[in-house]
Amino acid sequence: MTIAKKSSKSAKKKGGIVVRGKRKESIAKATISKGHGVVRVNSLNVDAIPNRYTRELILEPLHMAPEVASGVDISVAVVGGGQMGQAQAVRMAIARALVEFANDPLLKEKMIARDRFLLAEDFRRVEPKKYLGPKARARFQKSYR
């Protein structure tokens, strides 16, 4: 009896698919669920982003799959990094969410053909600073005169 009750409660929760996107130091978590095509980044409507280039970068996956994007609501929470790193992390999270929600291999291939980094993380990270130098690779120069 109690098991059936718990499963009915979890079925009532309004959820969706949660996907992650990373770029440099930025991490974005996107939640996608059925809706009316509303996209929010940190509780702010994506149309309210002032930088036009950043806004178009974020909306690129939505333009590639308009039939899927018009029937879903996407909410993205992004932290860390700078403006462009966050925009690219949000872009990746949205693209991954659309592919997982649609469950369409053709959409996945279309996105990979357009830009591999829509779905695949960039593994490069900043190299740590070493001793005997001012930066990761540079060394202090020595002058004898």
C-alpha atoms as a PDB file:
ATOM      1  CA  MET A   1       0.000   0.000   0.000  1.00  0.00           C
ATOM      2  CA  THR A   2       2.698   2.517   0.914  1.00  0.00           C
ATOM      3  CA  ILE A   3       4.737   1.694  -2.189  1.00  0.00           C
ATOM      4  CA  ALA A   4       1.838   2.589  -4.492  1.00  0.00           C
ATOM      5  CA  LYS A   5       1.373   5.857  -2.638  1.00  0.00           C
ATOM      6  CA  LYS A   6       5.003   6.875  -3.090  1.00  0.00           C
ATOM      7  CA  SER A   7       4.979   6.130  -6.819  1.00  0.00           C
ATOM      8  CA  SER A   8       1.828   8.206  -7.323  1.00  0.00           C
ATOM      9  CA  LYS A   9       3.454  11.166  -5.569  1.00  0.00           C
ATOM     10  CA  SER A  10       6.540  10.990  -7.768  1.00  0.00           C
ATOM     11  CA  ALA A  11       4.335  10.779 -10.862  1.00  0.00           C
ATOM     12  CA  LYS A  12       2.585  14.010  -9.839  1.00  0.00           C
ATOM     13  CA  LYS A  13       5.803  15.998  -9.637  1.00  0.00           C
ATOM     14  CA  LYS A  14       6.234  18.419 -12.481  1.00  0.00           C
ATOM     15  CA  GLY A  15       9.597  17.440 -13.774  1.00  0.00           C
ATOM     16  CA  GLY A  16      11.376  17.018 -16.985  1.00  0.00           C
ATOM     17  CA  ILE A  17      14.705  16.023 -18.356  1.00  0.00           C
ATOM     18  CA  VAL A  18      17.732  17.626 -16.698  1.00  0.00           C
ATOM     19  CA  VAL A  19      20.889  17.934 -18.804  1.00  0.00           C
ATOM     20  CA  ARG A  20      24.274  19.527 -18.161  1.00  0.00           C
ATOM     21  CA  GLY A  21      26.564  21.579 -20.380  1.00  0.00           C
ATOM     22  CA  LYS A  22      30.087  22.754 -19.554  1.00  0.00           C
ATOM     23  CA  ARG A  23      32.464  25.228 -21.137  1.00  0.00           C
ATOM     24  CA  LYS A  24      35.682  26.368 -19.452  1.00  0.00           C
ATOM     25  CA  GLU A  25      34.631  27.173 -15.862  1.00  0.00           C
ATOM     26  CA  SER A  26      30.907  27.551 -16.647  1.00  0.00           C
ATOM     27  CA  ILE A  27      28.356  24.881 -15.814  1.00  0.00           C
ATOM     28  CA  ALA A  28      24.772  25.041 -17.093  1.00  0.00           C
ATOM     29  CA  LYS A  29      21.900  22.765 -16.072  1.00  0.00           C
ATOM     30  CA  ALA A  30      18.893  22.751 -18.379  1.00  0.00           C
ATOM     31  CA  THR A  31      15.465  21.409 -17.476  1.00  0.00           C
ATOM     32  CA  ILE A  32      13.186  20.680 -20.401  1.00  0.00           C
ATOM     33  CA  SER A  33       9.485  19.850 -20.213  1.00  0.00           C
ATOM     34  CA  LYS A  34       6.395  20.126 -22.403  1.00  0.00           C
ATOM     35  CA  GLY A  35       5.192  23.682 -22.752  1.00  0.00           C
ATOM     36  CA  HIS A  36       4.793  26.632 -25.090  1.00  0.00           C
ATOM     37  CA  GLY A  37       8.324  27.439 -26.276  1.00  0.00           C
ATOM     38  CA  VAL A  38       9.495  29.573 -23.331  1.00  0.00           C
ATOM     39  CA  VAL A  39      13.269  29.686 -22.758  1.00  0.00           C
ATOM     40  CA  ARG A  40      14.661  31.126 -19.537  1.00  0.00           C
ATOM     41  CA  VAL A  41      18.280  31.548 -18.455  1.00  0.00           C
ATOM     42  CA  ASN A  42      18.712  32.152 -14.711  1.00  0.00           C
ATOM     43  CA  SER A  43      14.975  33.005 -14.469  1.00  0.00           C
ATOM     44  CA  LEU A  44      15.387  35.667 -17.164  1.00  0.00           C
ATOM     45  CA  ASN A  45      13.623  35.354 -20.508  1.00  0.00           C
ATOM     46  CA  VAL A  46      16.211  34.752 -23.229  1.00  0.00           C
ATOM     47  CA  ASP A  47      14.826  37.687 -25.261  1.00  0.00           C
ATOM     48  CA  ALA A  48      15.894  40.024 -22.431  1.00  0.00           C
ATOM     49  CA  ILE A  49      19.621  39.262 -22.903  1.00  0.00           C
ATOM     50  CA  PRO A  50      21.111  42.558 -24.068  1.00  0.00           C
ATOM     51  CA  ASN A  51      24.040  41.245 -26.143  1.00  0.00           C
ATOM     52  CA  ARG A  52      22.634  40.201 -29.512  1.00  0.00           C
ATOM     53  CA  TYR A  53      25.566  37.893 -30.363  1.00  0.00           C
ATOM     54  CA  THR A  54      25.246  36.046 -27.053  1.00  0.00           C
ATOM     55  CA  ARG A  55      21.486  35.738 -27.496  1.00  0.00           C
ATOM     56  CA  GLU A  56      21.834  34.276 -31.002  1.00  0.00           C
ATOM     57  CA  LEU A  57      24.508  31.865 -29.777  1.00  0.00           C
ATOM     58  CA  ILE A  58      22.126  30.593 -27.093  1.00  0.00           C
ATOM     59  CA  LEU A  59      19.198  30.306 -29.527  1.00  0.00           C
ATOM     60  CA  GLU A  60      21.162  28.436 -32.223  1.00  0.00           C
ATOM     61  CA  PRO A  61      20.003  24.922 -31.173  1.00  0.00           C
ATOM     62  CA  LEU A  62      16.395  26.150 -31.087  1.00  0.00           C
ATOM     63  CA  HIS A  63      16.666  27.410 -34.680  1.00  0.00           C
ATOM     64  CA  MET A  64      17.986  24.011 -35.763  1.00  0.00           C
ATOM     65  CA  ALA A  65      14.954  22.156 -34.339  1.00  0.00           C
ATOM     66  CA  PRO A  66      11.976  24.550 -34.472  1.00  0.00           C
ATOM     67  CA  GLU A  67       9.349  21.768 -34.467  1.00  0.00           C
ATOM     68  CA  VAL A  68      10.675  20.420 -31.148  1.00  0.00           C
ATOM     69  CA  ALA A  69      11.489  23.828 -29.631  1.00  0.00           C
ATOM     70  CA  SER A  70       7.984  25.234 -30.109  1.00  0.00           C
ATOM     71  CA  GLY A  71       6.433  22.574 -27.874  1.00  0.00           C
ATOM     72  CA  VAL A  72       8.808  22.667 -24.897  1.00  0.00           C
ATOM     73  CA  ASP A  73       9.745  24.978 -22.056  1.00  0.00           C
ATOM     74  CA  ILE A  74      13.434  25.172 -21.195  1.00  0.00           C
ATOM     75  CA  SER A  75      14.824  26.578 -17.967  1.00  0.00           C
ATOM     76  CA  VAL A  76      18.600  26.901 -17.621  1.00  0.00           C
ATOM     77  CA  ALA A  77      20.626  27.674 -14.492  1.00  0.00           C
ATOM     78  CA  VAL A  78      24.228  28.671 -15.228  1.00  0.00           C
ATOM     79  CA  VAL A  79      27.078  29.518 -12.837  1.00  0.00           C
ATOM     80  CA  GLY A  80      30.780  30.282 -13.090  1.00  0.00           C
ATOM     81  CA  GLY A  81      33.046  31.608 -15.805  1.00  0.00           C
ATOM     82  CA  GLY A  82      32.576  34.630 -18.017  1.00  0.00           C
ATOM     83  CA  GLN A  83      29.872  35.821 -20.355  1.00  0.00           C
ATOM     84  CA  MET A  84      30.877  33.835 -23.453  1.00  0.00           C
ATOM     85  CA  GLY A  85      31.737  30.687 -21.500  1.00  0.00           C
ATOM     86  CA  GLN A  86      28.312  30.799 -19.879  1.00  0.00           C
ATOM     87  CA  ALA A  87      26.614  31.390 -23.240  1.00  0.00           C
ATOM     88  CA  GLN A  88      28.371  28.380 -24.774  1.00  0.00           C
ATOM     89  CA  ALA A  89      27.548  26.216 -21.759  1.00  0.00           C
ATOM     90  CA  VAL A  90      23.863  27.222 -22.024  1.00  0.00           C
ATOM     91  CA  ARG A  91      23.946  26.507 -25.758  1.00  0.00           C
ATOM     92  CA  MET A  92      25.320  23.018 -25.140  1.00  0.00           C
ATOM     93  CA  ALA A  93      22.793  22.281 -22.387  1.00  0.00           C
ATOM     94  CA  ILE A  94      19.880  23.366 -24.592  1.00  0.00           C
ATOM     95  CA  ALA A  95      21.124  21.301 -27.542  1.00  0.00           C
ATOM     96  CA  ARG A  96      21.575  18.204 -25.378  1.00  0.00           C
ATOM     97  CA  ALA A  97      18.135  18.696 -23.831  1.00  0.00           C
ATOM     98  CA  LEU A  98      16.456  18.978 -27.243  1.00  0.00           C
ATOM     99  CA  VAL A  99      18.193  15.847 -28.531  1.00  0.00           C
ATOM    100  CA  GLU A 100      17.273  13.850 -25.426  1.00  0.00           C
ATOM    101  CA  PHE A 101      13.682  15.125 -25.392  1.00  0.00           C
ATOM    102  CA  ALA A 102      13.094  14.455 -29.100  1.00  0.00           C
ATOM    103  CA  ASN A 103      14.981  11.125 -29.023  1.00  0.00           C
ATOM    104  CA  ASP A 104      15.737  11.664 -32.723  1.00  0.00           C
ATOM    105  CA  PRO A 105      19.059  10.388 -34.137  1.00  0.00           C
ATOM    106  CA  LEU A 106      18.676  12.584 -37.227  1.00  0.00           C
ATOM    107  CA  LEU A 107      18.545  15.717 -35.071  1.00  0.00           C
ATOM    108  CA  LYS A 108      21.667  14.585 -33.241  1.00  0.00           C
ATOM    109  CA  GLU A 109      23.534  14.029 -36.528  1.00  0.00           C
ATOM    110  CA  LYS A 110      22.349  17.413 -37.817  1.00  0.00           C
ATOM    111  CA  MET A 111      23.712  19.173 -34.740  1.00  0.00           C
ATOM    112  CA  ILE A 112      27.028  17.319 -34.844  1.00  0.00           C
ATOM    113  CA  ALA A 113      27.412  18.183 -38.546  1.00  0.00           C
ATOM    114  CA  ARG A 114      26.764  21.870 -37.796  1.00  0.00           C
ATOM    115  CA  ASP A 115      29.057  22.167 -34.756  1.00  0.00           C
ATOM    116  CA  ARG A 116      30.552  19.308 -32.762  1.00  0.00           C
ATOM    117  CA  PHE A 117      30.656  21.429 -29.604  1.00  0.00           C
ATOM    118  CA  LEU A 118      26.851  21.668 -29.498  1.00  0.00           C
ATOM    119  CA  LEU A 119      26.845  18.188 -27.955  1.00  0.00           C
ATOM    120  CA  ALA A 120      30.466  17.375 -27.045  1.00  0.00           C
ATOM    121  CA  GLU A 121      32.314  19.109 -24.219  1.00  0.00           C
ATOM    122  CA  ASP A 122      35.572  20.891 -24.883  1.00  0.00           C
ATOM    123  CA  PHE A 123      37.993  18.988 -22.678  1.00  0.00           C
ATOM    124  CA  ARG A 124      40.647  21.729 -22.591  1.00  0.00           C
ATOM    125  CA  ARG A 125      41.257  23.313 -19.209  1.00  0.00           C
ATOM    126  CA  VAL A 126      43.692  25.902 -17.881  1.00  0.00           C
ATOM    127  CA  GLU A 127      47.082  24.436 -17.079  1.00  0.00           C
ATOM    128  CA  PRO A 128      48.121  25.005 -13.463  1.00  0.00           C
ATOM    129  CA  LYS A 129      51.000  27.306 -12.596  1.00  0.00           C
ATOM    130  CA  LYS A 130      54.316  25.607 -11.776  1.00  0.00           C
ATOM    131  CA  TYR A 131      57.079  26.628  -9.398  1.00  0.00           C
ATOM    132  CA  LEU A 132      60.107  28.622 -10.694  1.00  0.00           C
ATOM    133  CA  GLY A 133      57.967  30.651 -13.047  1.00  0.00           C
ATOM    134  CA  PRO A 134      55.387  33.427 -13.294  1.00  0.00           C
ATOM    135  CA  LYS A 135      52.890  31.348 -15.339  1.00  0.00           C
ATOM    136  CA  ALA A 136      52.242  27.752 -16.332  1.00  0.00           C
ATOM    137  CA  ARG A 137      54.998  27.471 -18.939  1.00  0.00           C
ATOM    138  CA  ALA A 138      57.008  30.696 -18.739  1.00  0.00           C
ATOM    139  CA  ARG A 139      60.159  30.761 -16.613  1.00  0.00           C
ATOM    140  CA  PHE A 140      61.912  33.672 -14.955  1.00  0.00           C
ATOM    141  CA  GLN A 141      64.758  34.898 -17.142  1.00  0.00           C
ATOM    142  CA  LYS A 142      68.227  35.284 -15.782  1.00  0.00           C
ATOM    143  CA  SER A 143      70.565  38.068 -16.799  1.00  0.00           C
ATOM    144  CA  TYR A 144      74.304  37.968 -16.111  1.00  0.00           C
ATOM    145  CA  ARG A 145      75.082  41.585 -17.038  1.00  0.00           C
END
